[in-house]
Amino acid sequence: MAAVVPFAAQAADKVITEWDLQTTAGAVKVIRGAADRFEAANPGYKVEDTHILNDAYKTKIKIAFGANEPPCVFSSWGGGPLREYVKAGQVVDLTPYLDSDPAFKDRFLPASFGASTIDGKIYALPAENTAIAVVFYNKELFAKYNVTPPTTWDELLKVIDVFKENGIAPFALANKNKWTGSMFYGYLVDRIGGPEAFANAVQRKDGGSFADPVFVEAGKRLQELVNAGAFQKGYNGLDYDVGGSRRLLYTDKAAMELMGTWEASTIGNENPEFAKKLGFFQFPSVPDGKGDPNNLLGTLGDNYISVSNACPEKDKAVELLKFLTDDTAAAGRLADNRIMPLKDVKTDNPFLTEVYSLVAKAPSVQLWWDQELPPELGELHKDTSQALFGLSKTPEQVAEEFEAAAKAKLQ
């Protein structure tokens, strides 16, 4: 009968459910460590952490909220999807909790709350990383073929030609997931029209429109890359979540990849030897473009974590959020090549130092489009970007289709 006692004690625990999309060993270790510390500080409570791959997570969390059965603690990117849940009254307002603990709140960079602030209230904490999209490249391949990281569009096209001539795909792209390729379109719009082009179109102000020539030109530049052979064959069917694009890098079949800076941590865990060859540069400028080449696409809180209103233990769930973003958790992420958006971060990691330097000097950090936009438009953005890559739609068709949907959704 003695064996029944711990089981009975466990059965009496109050459970805090937590869902995230962190599936690498380093990220899971940080989350579980925070959960263990929370449990030690709160006898009688148990954290059930669940880690789900990116695209599967998006579907699962949407279904859970639709059934009003979400986890207590959940991840998002802020922006449009979070606004939808907030609008439906399904997310806890964290503002009173943060106001009652100013020392904890003041650790974060103020700008990091931008994507999770709705009508002046904060609904999520920036947890996992400061993530920006950069072009990763194999330094050994660049040296072997005597090319340097391009800073302009024309230089990029020349680099593409060199690798093509030598039987190497210039870019690795796993675009079955769609968001992977959409980064190219987002950056091109920024480089051509500046951040105000997207902002005005989304906010429906100052004549902003997704049918503006800026968006058409971005589509043309993207298809210029496709027609130049910038990507390996079959890119629209390759799956990022199973490492499709990274495997091309590891085997020297591709030289570059446009991806979020979390890729450095993923590669470091998967292939430490290849990680030593990894460099990165910013997305190049475009001829006659209005956008500052220091502008970035990304997020200052990848991912954000929130508490659902369906949670029966809201106060304890908020306490778990604090453990997930405290100094111990931040140090664990730093050791895993991920940097939380905190003030006075100190690291001797040259990669993270450079990422933070880029963020500090960036005039604009545009949240990923598929997260900034309402979910319906975010999906359309990914679909139409993939269509541009597949050459199944023209830039004009994509711009007009998106503008029609934006008019219906955003007015």
Protein backbone atom coordinates (compact mmCIF):
# COMPACT_ATOMS: atom_id res chain seq x y z
CA MET A 1 0.00 0.00 0.00
CA ALA A 2 2.95 2.33 0.54
CA ALA A 3 3.28 2.84 -3.21
CA VAL A 4 -0.20 4.38 -3.32
CA VAL A 5 0.73 7.34 -1.13
CA PRO A 6 2.86 9.32 -3.60
CA PHE A 7 0.33 8.55 -6.33
CA ALA A 8 -2.47 9.93 -4.16
CA ALA A 9 -0.44 13.01 -3.35
CA GLN A 10 0.28 13.54 -7.01
CA ALA A 11 -3.39 13.11 -7.91
CA ALA A 12 -4.26 15.94 -5.53
CA ASP A 13 -1.90 18.39 -7.22
CA LYS A 14 -3.41 21.39 -8.93
CA VAL A 15 -2.21 21.34 -12.53
CA ILE A 16 -0.98 24.32 -14.56
CA THR A 17 -0.92 23.36 -18.23
CA GLU A 18 1.70 25.01 -20.45
CA TRP A 19 1.98 24.81 -24.25
CA ASP A 20 4.82 26.17 -26.32
CA LEU A 21 6.54 25.57 -29.64
CA GLN A 22 10.05 25.12 -28.27
CA THR A 23 11.19 21.65 -29.29
CA THR A 24 14.99 21.85 -29.19
CA ALA A 25 16.78 20.28 -26.24
CA GLY A 26 18.15 23.59 -24.93
CA ALA A 27 14.81 25.40 -25.04
CA VAL A 28 12.91 22.52 -23.42
CA LYS A 29 15.51 22.36 -20.65
CA VAL A 30 15.01 26.05 -19.79
CA ILE A 31 11.22 25.70 -19.68
CA ARG A 32 11.30 22.53 -17.59
CA GLY A 33 13.81 24.12 -15.25
CA ALA A 34 11.49 27.07 -14.67
CA ALA A 35 8.60 24.69 -14.09
CA ASP A 36 10.62 22.73 -11.53
CA ARG A 37 11.51 25.93 -9.67
CA PHE A 38 7.85 26.99 -9.70
CA GLU A 39 6.79 23.61 -8.31
CA ALA A 40 9.42 23.79 -5.57
CA ALA A 41 8.12 27.22 -4.55
CA ASN A 42 4.48 26.11 -4.76
CA PRO A 43 3.91 22.70 -3.12
CA GLY A 44 0.72 21.11 -4.35
CA TYR A 45 1.08 22.50 -7.88
CA LYS A 46 2.30 20.64 -10.93
CA VAL A 47 3.26 22.06 -14.33
CA GLU A 48 2.43 19.95 -17.38
CA ASP A 49 4.61 21.37 -20.17
CA THR A 50 3.88 20.39 -23.76
CA HIS A 51 6.22 21.21 -26.66
CA ILE A 52 4.75 21.25 -30.17
CA LEU A 53 6.30 21.87 -33.59
CA ASN A 54 5.61 25.29 -35.12
CA ASP A 55 2.86 24.66 -37.68
CA ALA A 56 1.16 21.95 -35.62
CA TYR A 57 1.14 24.35 -32.66
CA LYS A 58 -0.67 27.05 -34.62
CA THR A 59 -3.46 24.62 -35.50
CA LYS A 60 -3.68 23.05 -32.05
CA ILE A 61 -3.86 26.35 -30.13
CA LYS A 62 -6.49 27.74 -32.51
CA ILE A 63 -8.68 24.65 -32.01
CA ALA A 64 -8.18 24.79 -28.24
CA PHE A 65 -9.29 28.41 -28.02
CA GLY A 66 -12.20 27.72 -30.36
CA ALA A 67 -13.40 25.02 -27.97
CA ASN A 68 -12.67 27.30 -24.96
CA GLU A 69 -10.24 24.67 -23.67
CA PRO A 70 -6.85 26.39 -24.01
CA PRO A 71 -3.90 25.64 -21.73
CA CYS A 72 -3.32 27.93 -18.75
CA VAL A 73 -0.05 29.25 -20.20
CA PHE A 74 0.37 29.54 -23.95
CA SER A 75 2.81 31.00 -26.46
CA SER A 76 2.16 33.40 -29.34
CA TRP A 77 4.02 35.95 -31.40
CA GLY A 78 1.90 38.83 -30.16
CA GLY A 79 0.35 40.85 -32.97
CA GLY A 80 -2.78 39.78 -34.85
CA PRO A 81 -3.52 36.31 -33.40
CA LEU A 82 -3.07 37.54 -29.83
CA ARG A 83 -5.38 40.51 -30.56
CA GLU A 84 -8.06 38.09 -31.77
CA TYR A 85 -7.95 36.11 -28.51
CA VAL A 86 -7.90 39.30 -26.44
CA LYS A 87 -10.86 40.68 -28.38
CA ALA A 88 -12.75 37.47 -27.54
CA GLY A 89 -12.01 37.98 -23.82
CA GLN A 90 -9.85 34.85 -23.60
CA VAL A 91 -6.56 36.31 -22.28
CA VAL A 92 -5.64 37.62 -18.83
CA ASP A 93 -4.59 41.28 -18.63
CA LEU A 94 -1.10 41.18 -17.09
CA THR A 95 -0.89 44.93 -16.48
CA PRO A 96 -1.99 44.86 -12.80
CA TYR A 97 0.48 42.04 -12.05
CA LEU A 98 3.35 43.93 -13.68
CA ASP A 99 2.41 47.22 -12.04
CA SER A 100 2.54 45.50 -8.65
CA ASP A 101 6.07 44.24 -9.38
CA PRO A 102 7.86 47.15 -11.13
CA ALA A 103 11.34 45.72 -10.54
CA PHE A 104 10.41 42.64 -12.56
CA LYS A 105 8.76 44.63 -15.36
CA ASP A 106 11.58 47.17 -15.61
CA ARG A 107 14.09 44.42 -16.52
CA PHE A 108 12.59 44.28 -20.03
CA LEU A 109 13.32 46.64 -22.90
CA PRO A 110 10.20 48.86 -23.15
CA ALA A 111 9.88 48.23 -26.90
CA SER A 112 9.62 44.49 -26.28
CA PHE A 113 6.06 44.89 -25.01
CA GLY A 114 4.93 46.52 -28.26
CA ALA A 115 3.61 43.37 -29.93
CA SER A 116 1.69 42.32 -26.81
CA THR A 117 0.21 45.69 -25.81
CA ILE A 118 -3.41 46.13 -26.86
CA ASP A 119 -5.37 49.28 -25.98
CA GLY A 120 -2.68 50.21 -23.48
CA LYS A 121 -2.76 46.88 -21.63
CA ILE A 122 -0.07 44.18 -21.65
CA TYR A 123 -1.28 40.64 -22.36
CA ALA A 124 1.98 38.71 -22.79
CA LEU A 125 5.62 38.68 -21.69
CA PRO A 126 8.51 38.46 -24.19
CA ALA A 127 10.04 35.14 -23.30
CA GLU A 128 12.24 33.19 -25.63
CA ASN A 129 14.47 35.36 -27.71
CA THR A 130 15.23 38.55 -29.59
CA ALA A 131 14.79 37.12 -33.06
CA ILE A 132 15.48 38.86 -36.34
CA ALA A 133 15.67 37.52 -39.88
CA VAL A 134 19.20 37.48 -41.26
CA VAL A 135 20.96 35.71 -44.10
CA PHE A 136 23.02 32.87 -42.67
CA TYR A 137 25.91 31.69 -44.81
CA ASN A 138 28.64 29.07 -44.91
CA LYS A 139 31.88 31.01 -44.39
CA GLU A 140 33.99 28.19 -45.81
CA LEU A 141 32.01 28.09 -49.06
CA PHE A 142 32.17 31.87 -49.42
CA ALA A 143 35.93 31.76 -48.92
CA LYS A 144 36.37 28.82 -51.30
CA TYR A 145 34.61 30.65 -54.13
CA ASN A 146 36.06 34.04 -53.22
CA VAL A 147 32.76 35.82 -52.57
CA THR A 148 31.89 38.21 -49.76
CA PRO A 149 28.54 38.89 -48.07
CA PRO A 150 26.55 41.15 -50.43
CA THR A 151 25.15 44.48 -49.24
CA THR A 152 23.26 45.43 -52.41
CA TRP A 153 20.83 43.65 -54.73
CA ASP A 154 23.29 43.59 -57.63
CA GLU A 155 25.97 42.08 -55.41
CA LEU A 156 23.49 39.43 -54.26
CA LEU A 157 22.70 38.46 -57.86
CA LYS A 158 26.42 38.06 -58.56
CA VAL A 159 26.86 35.80 -55.52
CA ILE A 160 23.89 33.73 -56.74
CA ASP A 161 25.55 33.33 -60.14
CA VAL A 162 28.84 32.15 -58.61
CA PHE A 163 27.21 29.40 -56.57
CA LYS A 164 24.94 28.32 -59.42
CA GLU A 165 27.94 27.97 -61.72
CA ASN A 166 29.53 25.67 -59.17
CA GLY A 167 26.49 23.43 -58.71
CA ILE A 168 25.53 24.81 -55.30
CA ALA A 169 22.07 26.17 -54.52
CA PRO A 170 22.60 29.80 -53.47
CA PHE A 171 19.75 29.68 -50.93
CA ALA A 172 18.35 26.76 -48.97
CA LEU A 173 14.58 27.18 -48.63
CA ALA A 174 12.01 24.86 -47.05
CA ASN A 175 8.84 26.64 -48.16
CA LYS A 176 6.21 23.99 -47.56
CA ASN A 177 5.67 25.94 -44.34
CA LYS A 178 5.12 29.19 -46.31
CA TRP A 179 6.26 31.57 -43.54
CA THR A 180 9.84 30.67 -44.39
CA GLY A 181 9.62 32.22 -47.86
CA SER A 182 7.39 35.08 -46.76
CA MET A 183 10.43 36.68 -45.08
CA PHE A 184 11.83 37.51 -48.52
CA TYR A 185 8.66 39.37 -49.49
CA GLY A 186 8.51 41.23 -46.16
CA TYR A 187 12.10 42.40 -46.46
CA LEU A 188 11.67 43.43 -50.09
CA VAL A 189 8.64 45.58 -49.26
CA ASP A 190 10.64 47.24 -46.49
CA ARG A 191 13.74 47.81 -48.61
CA ILE A 192 11.70 49.23 -51.50
CA GLY A 193 9.10 51.30 -49.65
CA GLY A 194 10.34 51.63 -46.07
CA PRO A 195 8.37 50.45 -43.01
CA GLU A 196 5.61 52.97 -43.66
CA ALA A 197 4.50 51.08 -46.80
CA PHE A 198 3.35 48.08 -44.76
CA ALA A 199 2.22 50.15 -41.76
CA ASN A 200 0.03 52.46 -43.87
CA ALA A 201 -1.52 49.53 -45.73
CA VAL A 202 -2.35 47.70 -42.49
CA GLN A 203 -3.63 50.79 -40.70
CA ARG A 204 -5.50 52.00 -43.81
CA LYS A 205 -4.03 55.48 -43.52
CA ASP A 206 -2.28 58.01 -45.78
CA GLY A 207 -3.53 56.20 -48.86
CA GLY A 208 -1.84 52.94 -47.82
CA SER A 209 -2.78 49.97 -49.98
CA PHE A 210 -1.44 46.46 -50.55
CA ALA A 211 -1.95 47.15 -54.27
CA ASP A 212 0.58 50.00 -54.08
CA PRO A 213 3.44 49.75 -56.63
CA VAL A 214 5.81 48.99 -53.71
CA PHE A 215 4.12 45.61 -53.17
CA VAL A 216 4.07 44.82 -56.88
CA GLU A 217 7.77 45.68 -57.16
CA ALA A 218 8.53 43.44 -54.17
CA GLY A 219 6.81 40.55 -55.92
CA LYS A 220 8.81 41.20 -59.07
CA ARG A 221 12.10 41.21 -57.16
CA LEU A 222 11.16 37.97 -55.44
CA GLN A 223 10.37 36.31 -58.76
CA GLU A 224 13.62 37.70 -60.12
CA LEU A 225 15.38 35.56 -57.50
CA VAL A 226 13.30 32.53 -58.49
CA ASN A 227 14.08 33.00 -62.18
CA ALA A 228 17.76 33.51 -61.38
CA GLY A 229 17.85 30.03 -59.81
CA ALA A 230 18.46 31.33 -56.29
CA PHE A 231 16.79 28.32 -54.63
CA GLN A 232 17.24 24.55 -54.79
CA LYS A 233 14.73 22.47 -56.74
CA GLY A 234 11.55 21.49 -54.90
CA TYR A 235 11.74 24.32 -52.37
CA ASN A 236 7.96 24.78 -52.11
CA GLY A 237 7.56 21.18 -50.96
CA LEU A 238 10.45 20.97 -48.47
CA ASP A 239 9.53 20.97 -44.75
CA TYR A 240 11.41 23.35 -42.45
CA ASP A 241 10.13 21.70 -39.26
CA VAL A 242 12.04 18.48 -40.03
CA GLY A 243 15.23 20.37 -40.90
CA GLY A 244 14.86 20.28 -44.68
CA SER A 245 16.72 23.50 -45.39
CA ARG A 246 19.40 23.01 -42.73
CA ARG A 247 20.40 19.62 -44.15
CA LEU A 248 21.22 21.35 -47.44
CA LEU A 249 23.55 23.68 -45.55
CA TYR A 250 25.20 20.87 -43.62
CA THR A 251 26.04 18.97 -46.81
CA ASP A 252 27.33 22.02 -48.75
CA LYS A 253 24.43 21.70 -51.19
CA ALA A 254 23.36 25.25 -50.37
CA ALA A 255 25.35 28.32 -49.32
CA MET A 256 22.83 30.63 -47.61
CA GLU A 257 19.51 30.66 -45.76
CA LEU A 258 17.28 33.60 -44.84
CA MET A 259 15.99 32.65 -41.40
CA GLY A 260 15.35 33.91 -37.88
CA THR A 261 18.35 34.10 -35.58
CA TRP A 262 17.00 31.16 -33.57
CA GLU A 263 18.56 29.10 -36.37
CA ALA A 264 22.00 29.57 -34.79
CA SER A 265 20.83 27.85 -31.62
CA THR A 266 19.13 25.08 -33.58
CA ILE A 267 22.24 24.47 -35.69
CA GLY A 268 24.46 24.62 -32.61
CA ASN A 269 22.41 21.83 -31.03
CA GLU A 270 22.04 19.73 -34.19
CA ASN A 271 25.45 20.12 -35.78
CA PRO A 272 28.07 21.82 -33.57
CA GLU A 273 30.82 21.33 -36.14
CA PHE A 274 28.88 23.09 -38.88
CA ALA A 275 27.99 25.89 -36.45
CA LYS A 276 31.67 26.90 -36.52
CA LYS A 277 31.30 27.71 -40.25
CA LEU A 278 28.21 29.87 -39.77
CA GLY A 279 28.17 33.59 -40.45
CA PHE A 280 25.35 36.00 -41.16
CA PHE A 281 24.61 39.34 -42.84
CA GLN A 282 21.66 41.69 -43.19
CA PHE A 283 19.24 41.54 -46.09
CA PRO A 284 20.69 43.67 -48.91
CA SER A 285 19.48 47.06 -50.08
CA VAL A 286 17.42 47.41 -53.26
CA PRO A 287 18.19 49.97 -56.02
CA ASP A 288 16.38 53.28 -55.42
CA GLY A 289 14.71 51.82 -52.33
CA LYS A 290 13.38 54.09 -49.59
CA GLY A 291 13.98 51.58 -46.80
CA ASP A 292 17.01 51.84 -44.55
CA PRO A 293 19.13 48.67 -44.97
CA ASN A 294 19.46 48.61 -41.17
CA ASN A 295 15.70 47.96 -40.84
CA LEU A 296 14.91 44.51 -39.51
CA LEU A 297 12.15 41.95 -39.78
CA GLY A 298 11.61 40.00 -36.58
CA THR A 299 10.45 40.32 -33.01
CA LEU A 300 11.76 41.51 -29.67
CA GLY A 301 9.91 38.71 -27.89
CA ASP A 302 10.05 35.44 -29.76
CA ASN A 303 7.89 33.96 -28.29
CA TYR A 304 5.44 35.81 -26.04
CA ILE A 305 3.74 33.94 -23.20
CA SER A 306 0.27 34.63 -21.81
CA VAL A 307 -2.32 33.23 -19.42
CA SER A 308 -5.75 32.19 -20.68
CA ASN A 309 -8.89 33.34 -18.93
CA ALA A 310 -10.09 29.73 -18.94
CA CYS A 311 -7.33 28.83 -16.46
CA PRO A 312 -8.75 28.03 -13.00
CA GLU A 313 -5.48 29.09 -11.34
CA LYS A 314 -4.79 32.45 -12.97
CA ASP A 315 -2.65 33.95 -10.20
CA LYS A 316 -0.41 30.89 -10.05
CA ALA A 317 -0.19 30.77 -13.84
CA VAL A 318 1.03 34.37 -13.84
CA GLU A 319 3.61 33.37 -11.23
CA LEU A 320 4.76 30.63 -13.61
CA LEU A 321 5.19 33.28 -16.33
CA LYS A 322 7.61 35.05 -14.02
CA PHE A 323 9.66 31.91 -13.44
CA LEU A 324 9.74 31.36 -17.22
CA THR A 325 11.20 34.85 -17.74
CA ASP A 326 13.30 35.38 -14.60
CA ASP A 327 17.07 35.87 -14.52
CA THR A 328 17.74 32.14 -14.22
CA ALA A 329 15.66 31.41 -17.32
CA ALA A 330 17.34 34.31 -19.14
CA ALA A 331 20.79 32.89 -18.31
CA GLY A 332 19.73 29.47 -19.57
CA ARG A 333 18.59 30.93 -22.88
CA LEU A 334 21.78 32.93 -23.19
CA ALA A 335 23.77 29.71 -22.77
CA ASP A 336 21.62 28.30 -25.60
CA ASN A 337 22.50 31.20 -27.95
CA ARG A 338 19.19 32.99 -27.40
CA ILE A 339 18.93 36.45 -25.94
CA MET A 340 15.85 37.76 -24.15
CA PRO A 341 14.98 41.47 -24.67
CA LEU A 342 16.30 42.59 -21.29
CA LYS A 343 18.18 45.72 -20.32
CA ASP A 344 21.91 45.54 -19.66
CA VAL A 345 22.42 42.10 -21.18
CA LYS A 346 26.05 41.09 -21.04
CA THR A 347 27.44 38.24 -23.12
CA ASP A 348 30.81 37.21 -24.47
CA ASN A 349 29.07 35.36 -27.31
CA PRO A 350 30.03 37.26 -30.50
CA PHE A 351 26.92 36.06 -32.36
CA LEU A 352 24.52 37.37 -29.71
CA THR A 353 26.51 40.56 -29.33
CA GLU A 354 26.16 41.25 -33.05
CA VAL A 355 22.43 40.45 -33.04
CA TYR A 356 21.87 42.86 -30.15
CA SER A 357 23.98 45.48 -31.92
CA LEU A 358 21.81 45.20 -35.04
CA VAL A 359 18.65 45.58 -32.98
CA ALA A 360 20.05 48.58 -31.13
CA LYS A 361 20.83 50.48 -34.34
CA ALA A 362 17.76 49.42 -36.33
CA PRO A 363 15.44 52.34 -37.17
CA SER A 364 12.60 49.82 -37.47
CA VAL A 365 11.95 46.25 -36.32
CA GLN A 366 8.90 45.01 -38.22
CA LEU A 367 7.04 42.12 -36.58
CA TRP A 368 6.71 39.11 -38.90
CA TRP A 369 3.79 39.86 -41.23
CA ASP A 370 1.97 36.60 -40.56
CA GLN A 371 1.93 37.54 -36.87
CA GLU A 372 1.24 41.26 -37.20
CA LEU A 373 -1.75 40.69 -39.47
CA PRO A 374 -5.10 39.24 -38.31
CA PRO A 375 -4.96 35.43 -38.70
CA GLU A 376 -7.06 35.34 -41.89
CA LEU A 377 -4.79 37.86 -43.62
CA GLY A 378 -1.68 36.25 -42.16
CA GLU A 379 -2.63 33.00 -43.85
CA LEU A 380 -3.35 34.78 -47.12
CA HIS A 381 0.05 36.48 -46.93
CA LYS A 382 1.75 33.09 -46.61
CA ASP A 383 -0.35 31.55 -49.38
CA THR A 384 0.29 34.39 -51.82
CA SER A 385 4.00 34.51 -50.99
CA GLN A 386 4.24 30.80 -51.75
CA ALA A 387 2.35 31.40 -55.01
CA LEU A 388 4.94 34.03 -55.98
CA PHE A 389 7.70 31.50 -55.34
CA GLY A 390 5.83 28.94 -57.42
CA LEU A 391 5.32 31.47 -60.25
CA SER A 392 1.63 30.51 -60.20
CA LYS A 393 0.52 34.12 -59.63
CA THR A 394 1.90 37.41 -60.87
CA PRO A 395 2.96 40.17 -58.46
CA GLU A 396 0.00 42.24 -59.71
CA GLN A 397 -2.45 39.41 -59.00
CA VAL A 398 -1.07 38.92 -55.50
CA ALA A 399 -1.19 42.63 -54.71
CA GLU A 400 -4.78 43.01 -55.91
CA GLU A 401 -5.94 39.84 -54.15
CA PHE A 402 -4.38 40.92 -50.88
CA GLU A 403 -5.75 44.45 -51.10
CA ALA A 404 -9.28 43.12 -51.72
CA ALA A 405 -9.04 40.93 -48.62
CA ALA A 406 -7.55 43.76 -46.56
CA LYS A 407 -10.38 46.08 -47.53
CA ALA A 408 -12.92 43.53 -46.35
CA LYS A 409 -11.09 42.67 -43.13
CA LEU A 410 -9.46 45.90 -41.98
CA GLN A 411 -12.07 48.58 -42.72
